[in-house]
Amino acid sequence: MVGAIVQLRKGLAELSVLAVIEREEAYGYQIIQRLALVEGLGLTESTVYPLLARLAAARLVSVRSVESPAGPPRRYYRLTESGRTHFELLAGQWKTIRDSMNLMLEGEKT
């Protein structure tokens, strides 16, 4: 049962990360903090950082490094144009799935 919940969350990870940086550029730890505010996602560093690397490799996000007041430079992530298109596609698909699942779980309203 726990495995099914983990898989459901993993399926939402990419859309969740893209939703955070769609609003504004953010560095990795900021993204993780914002996701932590959303109950039920349970996305950790071990999920988010590899996902950000994959999104950057696919050129869906751009990355810039900025010196940090403490520690290593911060890597800031921003959606590219193709990333914005990808996000809009995923978000639209999510809304369709959400509405369909609500119908299935709650029953058709008459």
PDB file of N, CA and C in Angstrom:
ATOM      1  N   MET A   1       0.820  -1.195   0.000  1.00  0.00           N
ATOM      2  CA  MET A   1       0.000   0.000   0.000  1.00  0.00           C
ATOM      3  C   MET A   1       0.866   1.262   0.000  1.00  0.00           C
ATOM      4  N   VAL A   2       1.919   1.277   0.818  1.00  0.00           N
ATOM      5  CA  VAL A   2       2.805   2.437   0.875  1.00  0.00           C
ATOM      6  C   VAL A   2       3.479   2.654  -0.473  1.00  0.00           C
ATOM      7  N   GLY A   3       3.848   1.580  -1.158  1.00  0.00           N
ATOM      8  CA  GLY A   3       4.482   1.679  -2.469  1.00  0.00           C
ATOM      9  C   GLY A   3       3.600   2.382  -3.483  1.00  0.00           C
ATOM     10  N   ALA A   4       2.308   2.142  -3.425  1.00  0.00           N
ATOM     11  CA  ALA A   4       1.382   2.796  -4.357  1.00  0.00           C
ATOM     12  C   ALA A   4       1.334   4.298  -4.100  1.00  0.00           C
ATOM     13  N   ILE A   5       1.381   4.697  -2.847  1.00  0.00           N
ATOM     14  CA  ILE A   5       1.362   6.125  -2.496  1.00  0.00           C
ATOM     15  C   ILE A   5       2.644   6.792  -2.971  1.00  0.00           C
ATOM     16  N   VAL A   6       3.773   6.118  -2.777  1.00  0.00           N
ATOM     17  CA  VAL A   6       5.055   6.650  -3.232  1.00  0.00           C
ATOM     18  C   VAL A   6       5.038   6.838  -4.748  1.00  0.00           C
ATOM     19  N   GLN A   7       4.518   5.869  -5.476  1.00  0.00           N
ATOM     20  CA  GLN A   7       4.465   5.963  -6.938  1.00  0.00           C
ATOM     21  C   GLN A   7       3.556   7.106  -7.391  1.00  0.00           C
ATOM     22  N   LEU A   8       2.454   7.299  -6.706  1.00  0.00           N
ATOM     23  CA  LEU A   8       1.554   8.402  -7.043  1.00  0.00           C
ATOM     24  C   LEU A   8       2.262   9.744  -6.849  1.00  0.00           C
ATOM     25  N   ARG A   9       2.972   9.885  -5.738  1.00  0.00           N
ATOM     26  CA  ARG A   9       3.722  11.123  -5.485  1.00  0.00           C
ATOM     27  C   ARG A   9       4.817  11.329  -6.523  1.00  0.00           C
ATOM     28  N   LYS A  10       5.532  10.275  -6.885  1.00  0.00           N
ATOM     29  CA  LYS A  10       6.591  10.392  -7.890  1.00  0.00           C
ATOM     30  C   LYS A  10       6.022  10.865  -9.215  1.00  0.00           C
ATOM     31  N   GLY A  11       4.823  10.415  -9.531  1.00  0.00           N
ATOM     32  CA  GLY A  11       4.191  10.832 -10.770  1.00  0.00           C
ATOM     33  C   GLY A  11       3.848  12.308 -10.799  1.00  0.00           C
ATOM     34  N   LEU A  12       3.704  12.900  -9.637  1.00  0.00           N
ATOM     35  CA  LEU A  12       3.365  14.322  -9.544  1.00  0.00           C
ATOM     36  C   LEU A  12       4.584  15.209  -9.322  1.00  0.00           C
ATOM     37  N   ALA A  13       5.748  14.611  -9.134  1.00  0.00           N
ATOM     38  CA  ALA A  13       6.953  15.370  -8.784  1.00  0.00           C
ATOM     39  C   ALA A  13       7.318  16.400  -9.846  1.00  0.00           C
ATOM     40  N   GLU A  14       7.364  15.988 -11.108  1.00  0.00           N
ATOM     41  CA  GLU A  14       7.778  16.908 -12.169  1.00  0.00           C
ATOM     42  C   GLU A  14       6.824  18.092 -12.280  1.00  0.00           C
ATOM     43  N   LEU A  15       5.544  17.821 -12.290  1.00  0.00           N
ATOM     44  CA  LEU A  15       4.570  18.910 -12.377  1.00  0.00           C
ATOM     45  C   LEU A  15       4.677  19.831 -11.170  1.00  0.00           C
ATOM     46  N   SER A  16       4.900  19.279 -10.005  1.00  0.00           N
ATOM     47  CA  SER A  16       5.011  20.080  -8.781  1.00  0.00           C
ATOM     48  C   SER A  16       6.221  21.014  -8.836  1.00  0.00           C
ATOM     49  N   VAL A  17       7.361  20.481  -9.247  1.00  0.00           N
ATOM     50  CA  VAL A  17       8.576  21.294  -9.345  1.00  0.00           C
ATOM     51  C   VAL A  17       8.395  22.384 -10.398  1.00  0.00           C
ATOM     52  N   LEU A  18       7.855  22.022 -11.539  1.00  0.00           N
ATOM     53  CA  LEU A  18       7.620  23.016 -12.587  1.00  0.00           C
ATOM     54  C   LEU A  18       6.655  24.099 -12.128  1.00  0.00           C
ATOM     55  N   ALA A  19       5.651  23.725 -11.342  1.00  0.00           N
ATOM     56  CA  ALA A  19       4.682  24.712 -10.838  1.00  0.00           C
ATOM     57  C   ALA A  19       5.357  25.727  -9.928  1.00  0.00           C
ATOM     58  N   VAL A  20       6.315  25.285  -9.141  1.00  0.00           N
ATOM     59  CA  VAL A  20       7.026  26.212  -8.254  1.00  0.00           C
ATOM     60  C   VAL A  20       7.834  27.213  -9.066  1.00  0.00           C
ATOM     61  N   ILE A  21       8.588  26.734 -10.047  1.00  0.00           N
ATOM     62  CA  ILE A  21       9.446  27.669 -10.785  1.00  0.00           C
ATOM     63  C   ILE A  21       8.725  28.359 -11.940  1.00  0.00           C
ATOM     64  N   GLU A  22       7.493  27.959 -12.203  1.00  0.00           N
ATOM     65  CA  GLU A  22       6.703  28.676 -13.211  1.00  0.00           C
ATOM     66  C   GLU A  22       6.389  30.075 -12.701  1.00  0.00           C
ATOM     67  N   ARG A  23       6.197  30.210 -11.412  1.00  0.00           N
ATOM     68  CA  ARG A  23       5.845  31.506 -10.815  1.00  0.00           C
ATOM     69  C   ARG A  23       7.044  32.439 -10.765  1.00  0.00           C
ATOM     70  N   GLU A  24       8.219  31.879 -10.362  1.00  0.00           N
ATOM     71  CA  GLU A  24       9.419  32.698 -10.279  1.00  0.00           C
ATOM     72  C   GLU A  24      10.657  31.809 -10.178  1.00  0.00           C
ATOM     73  N   GLU A  25      11.767  32.356 -10.579  1.00  0.00           N
ATOM     74  CA  GLU A  25      13.045  31.664 -10.482  1.00  0.00           C
ATOM     75  C   GLU A  25      13.323  31.325  -9.017  1.00  0.00           C
ATOM     76  N   ALA A  26      13.912  30.161  -8.784  1.00  0.00           N
ATOM     77  CA  ALA A  26      14.226  29.748  -7.414  1.00  0.00           C
ATOM     78  C   ALA A  26      15.425  28.816  -7.417  1.00  0.00           C
ATOM     79  N   TYR A  27      16.127  28.784  -6.293  1.00  0.00           N
ATOM     80  CA  TYR A  27      17.224  27.826  -6.183  1.00  0.00           C
ATOM     81  C   TYR A  27      16.700  26.549  -5.541  1.00  0.00           C
ATOM     82  N   GLY A  28      17.477  25.481  -5.659  1.00  0.00           N
ATOM     83  CA  GLY A  28      17.024  24.155  -5.276  1.00  0.00           C
ATOM     84  C   GLY A  28      16.397  24.060  -3.902  1.00  0.00           C
ATOM     85  N   TYR A  29      17.086  24.589  -2.889  1.00  0.00           N
ATOM     86  CA  TYR A  29      16.559  24.474  -1.533  1.00  0.00           C
ATOM     87  C   TYR A  29      15.249  25.258  -1.378  1.00  0.00           C
ATOM     88  N   GLN A  30      15.117  26.397  -2.051  1.00  0.00           N
ATOM     89  CA  GLN A  30      13.849  27.149  -2.023  1.00  0.00           C
ATOM     90  C   GLN A  30      12.717  26.302  -2.585  1.00  0.00           C
ATOM     91  N   ILE A  31      12.997  25.608  -3.666  1.00  0.00           N
ATOM     92  CA  ILE A  31      11.986  24.756  -4.298  1.00  0.00           C
ATOM     93  C   ILE A  31      11.535  23.685  -3.305  1.00  0.00           C
ATOM     94  N   ILE A  32      12.491  23.059  -2.653  1.00  0.00           N
ATOM     95  CA  ILE A  32      12.176  22.017  -1.665  1.00  0.00           C
ATOM     96  C   ILE A  32      11.358  22.590  -0.525  1.00  0.00           C
ATOM     97  N   GLN A  33      11.717  23.769  -0.038  1.00  0.00           N
ATOM     98  CA  GLN A  33      10.956  24.402   1.049  1.00  0.00           C
ATOM     99  C   GLN A  33       9.526  24.705   0.626  1.00  0.00           C
ATOM    100  N   ARG A  34       9.332  25.199  -0.570  1.00  0.00           N
ATOM    101  CA  ARG A  34       7.979  25.513  -1.045  1.00  0.00           C
ATOM    102  C   ARG A  34       7.147  24.246  -1.210  1.00  0.00           C
ATOM    103  N   LEU A  35       7.773  23.192  -1.704  1.00  0.00           N
ATOM    104  CA  LEU A  35       7.059  21.924  -1.851  1.00  0.00           C
ATOM    105  C   LEU A  35       6.698  21.340  -0.492  1.00  0.00           C
ATOM    106  N   ALA A  36       7.532  21.576   0.509  1.00  0.00           N
ATOM    107  CA  ALA A  36       7.270  21.058   1.858  1.00  0.00           C
ATOM    108  C   ALA A  36       6.020  21.698   2.467  1.00  0.00           C
ATOM    109  N   LEU A  37       5.645  22.861   1.996  1.00  0.00           N
ATOM    110  CA  LEU A  37       4.454  23.550   2.501  1.00  0.00           C
ATOM    111  C   LEU A  37       3.157  22.920   2.008  1.00  0.00           C
ATOM    112  N   VAL A  38       3.272  22.080   0.976  1.00  0.00           N
ATOM    113  CA  VAL A  38       2.099  21.449   0.382  1.00  0.00           C
ATOM    114  C   VAL A  38       1.917  20.067   1.003  1.00  0.00           C
ATOM    115  N   GLU A  39       0.855  19.914   1.758  1.00  0.00           N
ATOM    116  CA  GLU A  39       0.605  18.650   2.450  1.00  0.00           C
ATOM    117  C   GLU A  39       0.398  17.507   1.463  1.00  0.00           C
ATOM    118  N   GLY A  40       1.031  16.380   1.762  1.00  0.00           N
ATOM    119  CA  GLY A  40       0.804  15.180   0.981  1.00  0.00           C
ATOM    120  C   GLY A  40       1.796  14.903  -0.126  1.00  0.00           C
ATOM    121  N   LEU A  41       2.589  15.896  -0.536  1.00  0.00           N
ATOM    122  CA  LEU A  41       3.530  15.647  -1.627  1.00  0.00           C
ATOM    123  C   LEU A  41       4.720  14.813  -1.163  1.00  0.00           C
ATOM    124  N   GLY A  42       5.287  15.148  -0.033  1.00  0.00           N
ATOM    125  CA  GLY A  42       6.389  14.373   0.507  1.00  0.00           C
ATOM    126  C   GLY A  42       7.600  14.281  -0.406  1.00  0.00           C
ATOM    127  N   LEU A  43       7.913  15.351  -1.127  1.00  0.00           N
ATOM    128  CA  LEU A  43       9.066  15.345  -2.025  1.00  0.00           C
ATOM    129  C   LEU A  43      10.314  15.780  -1.269  1.00  0.00           C
ATOM    130  N   THR A  44      11.375  14.992  -1.374  1.00  0.00           N
ATOM    131  CA  THR A  44      12.607  15.254  -0.645  1.00  0.00           C
ATOM    132  C   THR A  44      13.722  15.675  -1.593  1.00  0.00           C
ATOM    133  N   GLU A  45      14.850  16.056  -1.010  1.00  0.00           N
ATOM    134  CA  GLU A  45      16.022  16.441  -1.794  1.00  0.00           C
ATOM    135  C   GLU A  45      16.430  15.339  -2.757  1.00  0.00           C
ATOM    136  N   SER A  46      16.337  14.094  -2.309  1.00  0.00           N
ATOM    137  CA  SER A  46      16.771  12.976  -3.151  1.00  0.00           C
ATOM    138  C   SER A  46      15.870  12.778  -4.364  1.00  0.00           C
ATOM    139  N   THR A  47      14.698  13.374  -4.350  1.00  0.00           N
ATOM    140  CA  THR A  47      13.814  13.349  -5.515  1.00  0.00           C
ATOM    141  C   THR A  47      13.973  14.625  -6.342  1.00  0.00           C
ATOM    142  N   VAL A  48      14.036  15.758  -5.668  1.00  0.00           N
ATOM    143  CA  VAL A  48      14.001  17.052  -6.361  1.00  0.00           C
ATOM    144  C   VAL A  48      15.284  17.353  -7.125  1.00  0.00           C
ATOM    145  N   TYR A  49      16.450  17.160  -6.511  1.00  0.00           N
ATOM    146  CA  TYR A  49      17.693  17.524  -7.194  1.00  0.00           C
ATOM    147  C   TYR A  49      17.948  16.708  -8.463  1.00  0.00           C
ATOM    148  N   PRO A  50      17.762  15.386  -8.450  1.00  0.00           N
ATOM    149  CA  PRO A  50      17.911  14.647  -9.720  1.00  0.00           C
ATOM    150  C   PRO A  50      16.888  15.078 -10.778  1.00  0.00           C
ATOM    151  N   LEU A  51      15.690  15.411 -10.329  1.00  0.00           N
ATOM    152  CA  LEU A  51      14.659  15.883 -11.254  1.00  0.00           C
ATOM    153  C   LEU A  51      15.068  17.212 -11.883  1.00  0.00           C
ATOM    154  N   LEU A  52      15.615  18.129 -11.080  1.00  0.00           N
ATOM    155  CA  LEU A  52      16.088  19.403 -11.619  1.00  0.00           C
ATOM    156  C   LEU A  52      17.211  19.177 -12.633  1.00  0.00           C
ATOM    157  N   ALA A  53      18.107  18.244 -12.354  1.00  0.00           N
ATOM    158  CA  ALA A  53      19.192  17.941 -13.299  1.00  0.00           C
ATOM    159  C   ALA A  53      18.624  17.396 -14.607  1.00  0.00           C
ATOM    160  N   ARG A  54      17.615  16.540 -14.519  1.00  0.00           N
ATOM    161  CA  ARG A  54      16.989  15.977 -15.721  1.00  0.00           C
ATOM    162  C   ARG A  54      16.271  17.059 -16.521  1.00  0.00           C
ATOM    163  N   LEU A  55      15.576  17.960 -15.838  1.00  0.00           N
ATOM    164  CA  LEU A  55      14.877  19.058 -16.515  1.00  0.00           C
ATOM    165  C   LEU A  55      15.872  19.992 -17.199  1.00  0.00           C
ATOM    166  N   ALA A  56      17.018  20.225 -16.552  1.00  0.00           N
ATOM    167  CA  ALA A  56      18.055  21.074 -17.152  1.00  0.00           C
ATOM    168  C   ALA A  56      18.656  20.387 -18.379  1.00  0.00           C
ATOM    169  N   ALA A  57      18.913  19.091 -18.288  1.00  0.00           N
ATOM    170  CA  ALA A  57      19.469  18.349 -19.424  1.00  0.00           C
ATOM    171  C   ALA A  57      18.510  18.353 -20.612  1.00  0.00           C
ATOM    172  N   ALA A  58      17.221  18.352 -20.329  1.00  0.00           N
ATOM    173  CA  ALA A  58      16.204  18.390 -21.385  1.00  0.00           C
ATOM    174  C   ALA A  58      15.926  19.817 -21.858  1.00  0.00           C
ATOM    175  N   ARG A  59      16.617  20.780 -21.284  1.00  0.00           N
ATOM    176  CA  ARG A  59      16.471  22.201 -21.607  1.00  0.00           C
ATOM    177  C   ARG A  59      15.068  22.735 -21.348  1.00  0.00           C
ATOM    178  N   LEU A  60      14.433  22.158 -20.339  1.00  0.00           N
ATOM    179  CA  LEU A  60      13.124  22.655 -19.911  1.00  0.00           C
ATOM    180  C   LEU A  60      13.284  23.737 -18.850  1.00  0.00           C
ATOM    181  N   VAL A  61      14.443  23.755 -18.200  1.00  0.00           N
ATOM    182  CA  VAL A  61      14.787  24.816 -17.267  1.00  0.00           C
ATOM    183  C   VAL A  61      16.189  25.320 -17.595  1.00  0.00           C
ATOM    184  N   SER A  62      16.407  26.601 -17.338  1.00  0.00           N
ATOM    185  CA  SER A  62      17.758  27.153 -17.442  1.00  0.00           C
ATOM    186  C   SER A  62      18.310  27.268 -16.027  1.00  0.00           C
ATOM    187  N   VAL A  63      19.616  27.237 -15.923  1.00  0.00           N
ATOM    188  CA  VAL A  63      20.279  27.244 -14.625  1.00  0.00           C
ATOM    189  C   VAL A  63      21.338  28.331 -14.628  1.00  0.00           C
ATOM    190  N   ARG A  64      21.379  29.088 -13.549  1.00  0.00           N
ATOM    191  CA  ARG A  64      22.467  30.063 -13.378  1.00  0.00           C
ATOM    192  C   ARG A  64      22.988  29.942 -11.954  1.00  0.00           C
ATOM    193  N   SER A  65      24.284  30.108 -11.792  1.00  0.00           N
ATOM    194  CA  SER A  65      24.920  30.021 -10.476  1.00  0.00           C
ATOM    195  C   SER A  65      25.172  31.412  -9.937  1.00  0.00           C
ATOM    196  N   VAL A  66      24.907  31.568  -8.648  1.00  0.00           N
ATOM    197  CA  VAL A  66      25.111  32.838  -7.954  1.00  0.00           C
ATOM    198  C   VAL A  66      25.855  32.536  -6.660  1.00  0.00           C
ATOM    199  N   GLU A  67      26.859  33.351  -6.359  1.00  0.00           N
ATOM    200  CA  GLU A  67      27.588  33.158  -5.106  1.00  0.00           C
ATOM    201  C   GLU A  67      26.628  33.224  -3.928  1.00  0.00           C
ATOM    202  N   SER A  68      26.863  32.361  -2.971  1.00  0.00           N
ATOM    203  CA  SER A  68      26.025  32.278  -1.778  1.00  0.00           C
ATOM    204  C   SER A  68      26.731  32.972  -0.620  1.00  0.00           C
ATOM    205  N   PRO A  69      25.962  33.619   0.277  1.00  0.00           N
ATOM    206  CA  PRO A  69      26.594  34.241   1.438  1.00  0.00           C
ATOM    207  C   PRO A  69      27.296  33.212   2.335  1.00  0.00           C
ATOM    208  N   ALA A  70      26.837  31.975   2.270  1.00  0.00           N
ATOM    209  CA  ALA A  70      27.458  30.898   3.052  1.00  0.00           C
ATOM    210  C   ALA A  70      27.379  29.619   2.231  1.00  0.00           C
ATOM    211  N   GLY A  71      28.493  28.928   2.092  1.00  0.00           N
ATOM    212  CA  GLY A  71      28.473  27.669   1.374  1.00  0.00           C
ATOM    213  C   GLY A  71      28.723  27.825  -0.110  1.00  0.00           C
ATOM    214  N   PRO A  72      28.433  26.761  -0.856  1.00  0.00           N
ATOM    215  CA  PRO A  72      28.699  26.770  -2.306  1.00  0.00           C
ATOM    216  C   PRO A  72      27.734  27.691  -3.046  1.00  0.00           C
ATOM    217  N   PRO A  73      28.046  28.016  -4.304  1.00  0.00           N
ATOM    218  CA  PRO A  73      27.125  28.862  -5.089  1.00  0.00           C
ATOM    219  C   PRO A  73      25.739  28.216  -5.194  1.00  0.00           C
ATOM    220  N   ARG A  74      24.740  29.063  -5.275  1.00  0.00           N
ATOM    221  CA  ARG A  74      23.360  28.584  -5.444  1.00  0.00           C
ATOM    222  C   ARG A  74      23.050  28.484  -6.924  1.00  0.00           C
ATOM    223  N   ARG A  75      22.360  27.416  -7.275  1.00  0.00           N
ATOM    224  CA  ARG A  75      21.923  27.221  -8.660  1.00  0.00           C
ATOM    225  C   ARG A  75      20.451  27.611  -8.750  1.00  0.00           C
ATOM    226  N   TYR A  76      20.181  28.654  -9.521  1.00  0.00           N
ATOM    227  CA  TYR A  76      18.819  29.148  -9.701  1.00  0.00           C
ATOM    228  C   TYR A  76      18.230  28.539 -10.967  1.00  0.00           C
ATOM    229  N   TYR A  77      16.968  28.123 -10.870  1.00  0.00           N
ATOM    230  CA  TYR A  77      16.273  27.460 -11.974  1.00  0.00           C
ATOM    231  C   TYR A  77      15.121  28.341 -12.447  1.00  0.00           C
ATOM    232  N   ARG A  78      14.982  28.395 -13.768  1.00  0.00           N
ATOM    233  CA  ARG A  78      13.906  29.171 -14.401  1.00  0.00           C
ATOM    234  C   ARG A  78      13.403  28.377 -15.598  1.00  0.00           C
ATOM    235  N   LEU A  79      12.103  28.447 -15.858  1.00  0.00           N
ATOM    236  CA  LEU A  79      11.556  27.755 -17.027  1.00  0.00           C
ATOM    237  C   LEU A  79      12.052  28.408 -18.309  1.00  0.00           C
ATOM    238  N   THR A  80      12.386  27.576 -19.277  1.00  0.00           N
ATOM    239  CA  THR A  80      12.655  28.058 -20.625  1.00  0.00           C
ATOM    240  C   THR A  80      11.307  28.128 -21.354  1.00  0.00           C
ATOM    241  N   GLU A  81      11.325  28.616 -22.577  1.00  0.00           N
ATOM    242  CA  GLU A  81      10.066  28.648 -23.350  1.00  0.00           C
ATOM    243  C   GLU A  81       9.526  27.236 -23.549  1.00  0.00           C
ATOM    244  N   SER A  82      10.408  26.291 -23.885  1.00  0.00           N
ATOM    245  CA  SER A  82       9.933  24.917 -24.052  1.00  0.00           C
ATOM    246  C   SER A  82       9.497  24.336 -22.708  1.00  0.00           C
ATOM    247  N   GLY A  83      10.125  24.768 -21.626  1.00  0.00           N
ATOM    248  CA  GLY A  83       9.707  24.338 -20.293  1.00  0.00           C
ATOM    249  C   GLY A  83       8.327  24.860 -19.943  1.00  0.00           C
ATOM    250  N   ARG A  84       8.062  26.092 -20.327  1.00  0.00           N
ATOM    251  CA  ARG A  84       6.735  26.682 -20.066  1.00  0.00           C
ATOM    252  C   ARG A  84       5.660  25.936 -20.866  1.00  0.00           C
ATOM    253  N   THR A  85       5.963  25.608 -22.112  1.00  0.00           N
ATOM    254  CA  THR A  85       5.031  24.841 -22.937  1.00  0.00           C
ATOM    255  C   THR A  85       4.783  23.466 -22.322  1.00  0.00           C
ATOM    256  N   HIS A  86       5.866  22.822 -21.886  1.00  0.00           N
ATOM    257  CA  HIS A  86       5.772  21.504 -21.245  1.00  0.00           C
ATOM    258  C   HIS A  86       4.933  21.588 -19.973  1.00  0.00           C
ATOM    259  N   PHE A  87       5.180  22.617 -19.159  1.00  0.00           N
ATOM    260  CA  PHE A  87       4.409  22.809 -17.932  1.00  0.00           C
ATOM    261  C   PHE A  87       2.929  22.979 -18.244  1.00  0.00           C
ATOM    262  N   GLU A  88       2.606  23.810 -19.209  1.00  0.00           N
ATOM    263  CA  GLU A  88       1.201  24.049 -19.562  1.00  0.00           C
ATOM    264  C   GLU A  88       0.527  22.772 -20.048  1.00  0.00           C
ATOM    265  N   LEU A  89       1.255  21.954 -20.793  1.00  0.00           N
ATOM    266  CA  LEU A  89       0.728  20.671 -21.256  1.00  0.00           C
ATOM    267  C   LEU A  89       0.445  19.743 -20.073  1.00  0.00           C
ATOM    268  N   LEU A  90       1.429  19.616 -19.173  1.00  0.00           N
ATOM    269  CA  LEU A  90       1.234  18.758 -17.999  1.00  0.00           C
ATOM    270  C   LEU A  90       0.117  19.274 -17.103  1.00  0.00           C
ATOM    271  N   ALA A  91       0.069  20.587 -16.896  1.00  0.00           N
ATOM    272  CA  ALA A  91      -0.965  21.168 -16.039  1.00  0.00           C
ATOM    273  C   ALA A  91      -2.354  20.941 -16.627  1.00  0.00           C
ATOM    274  N   GLY A  92      -2.486  21.100 -17.924  1.00  0.00           N
ATOM    275  CA  GLY A  92      -3.774  20.848 -18.578  1.00  0.00           C
ATOM    276  C   GLY A  92      -4.183  19.392 -18.457  1.00  0.00           C
ATOM    277  N   GLN A  93      -3.220  18.499 -18.640  1.00  0.00           N
ATOM    278  CA  GLN A  93      -3.518  17.068 -18.500  1.00  0.00           C
ATOM    279  C   GLN A  93      -3.900  16.731 -17.067  1.00  0.00           C
ATOM    280  N   TRP A  94      -3.176  17.342 -16.110  1.00  0.00           N
ATOM    281  CA  TRP A  94      -3.509  17.104 -14.702  1.00  0.00           C
ATOM    282  C   TRP A  94      -4.948  17.539 -14.400  1.00  0.00           C
ATOM    283  N   LYS A  95      -5.353  18.689 -14.898  1.00  0.00           N
ATOM    284  CA  LYS A  95      -6.710  19.178 -14.630  1.00  0.00           C
ATOM    285  C   LYS A  95      -7.762  18.222 -15.195  1.00  0.00           C
ATOM    286  N   THR A  96      -7.497  17.675 -16.353  1.00  0.00           N
ATOM    287  CA  THR A  96      -8.417  16.699 -16.946  1.00  0.00           C
ATOM    288  C   THR A  96      -8.490  15.449 -16.087  1.00  0.00           C
ATOM    289  N   ILE A  97      -7.331  14.947 -15.682  1.00  0.00           N
ATOM    290  CA  ILE A  97      -7.286  13.746 -14.830  1.00  0.00           C
ATOM    291  C   ILE A  97      -7.962  14.019 -13.489  1.00  0.00           C
ATOM    292  N   ARG A  98      -7.664  15.169 -12.890  1.00  0.00           N
ATOM    293  CA  ARG A  98      -8.274  15.540 -11.607  1.00  0.00           C
ATOM    294  C   ARG A  98      -9.799  15.539 -11.706  1.00  0.00           C
ATOM    295  N   ASP A  99     -10.319  16.179 -12.734  1.00  0.00           N
ATOM    296  CA  ASP A  99     -11.769  16.246 -12.902  1.00  0.00           C
ATOM    297  C   ASP A  99     -12.367  14.859 -13.118  1.00  0.00           C
ATOM    298  N   SER A 100     -11.684  14.042 -13.909  1.00  0.00           N
ATOM    299  CA  SER A 100     -12.168  12.675 -14.148  1.00  0.00           C
ATOM    300  C   SER A 100     -12.150  11.845 -12.877  1.00  0.00           C
ATOM    301  N   MET A 101     -11.084  11.948 -12.109  1.00  0.00           N
ATOM    302  CA  MET A 101     -10.991  11.193 -10.858  1.00  0.00           C
ATOM    303  C   MET A 101     -12.027  11.666  -9.847  1.00  0.00           C
ATOM    304  N   ASN A 102     -12.270  12.975  -9.797  1.00  0.00           N
ATOM    305  CA  ASN A 102     -13.317  13.473  -8.899  1.00  0.00           C
ATOM    306  C   ASN A 102     -14.675  12.888  -9.265  1.00  0.00           C
ATOM    307  N   LEU A 103     -14.947  12.793 -10.554  1.00  0.00           N
ATOM    308  CA  LEU A 103     -16.199  12.177 -10.996  1.00  0.00           C
ATOM    309  C   LEU A 103     -16.273  10.713 -10.555  1.00  0.00           C
ATOM    310  N   MET A 104     -15.175   9.998 -10.738  1.00  0.00           N
ATOM    311  CA  MET A 104     -15.160   8.588 -10.386  1.00  0.00           C
ATOM    312  C   MET A 104     -15.281   8.376  -8.871  1.00  0.00           C
ATOM    313  N   LEU A 105     -14.592   9.204  -8.099  1.00  0.00           N
ATOM    314  CA  LEU A 105     -14.579   9.018  -6.648  1.00  0.00           C
ATOM    315  C   LEU A 105     -15.837   9.531  -5.973  1.00  0.00           C
ATOM    316  N   GLU A 106     -16.403  10.585  -6.511  1.00  0.00           N
ATOM    317  CA  GLU A 106     -17.574  11.212  -5.881  1.00  0.00           C
ATOM    318  C   GLU A 106     -18.886  10.817  -6.560  1.00  0.00           C
ATOM    319  N   GLY A 107     -18.800  10.230  -7.709  1.00  0.00           N
ATOM    320  CA  GLY A 107     -20.001   9.894  -8.457  1.00  0.00           C
ATOM    321  C   GLY A 107     -20.473  11.066  -9.277  1.00  0.00           C
ATOM    322  N   GLU A 108     -21.132  10.768 -10.354  1.00  0.00           N
ATOM    323  CA  GLU A 108     -21.614  11.828 -11.251  1.00  0.00           C
ATOM    324  C   GLU A 108     -22.701  12.627 -10.557  1.00  0.00           C
ATOM    325  N   LYS A 109     -22.566  13.939 -10.625  1.00  0.00           N
ATOM    326  CA  LYS A 109     -23.560  14.845 -10.022  1.00  0.00           C
ATOM    327  C   LYS A 109     -24.661  15.111 -11.057  1.00  0.00           C
ATOM    328  N   THR A 110     -25.897  15.045 -10.596  1.00  0.00           N
ATOM    329  CA  THR A 110     -27.009  15.308 -11.531  1.00  0.00           C
ATOM    330  C   THR A 110     -27.710  16.587 -11.192  1.00  0.00           C
TER     331      THR A 110
END
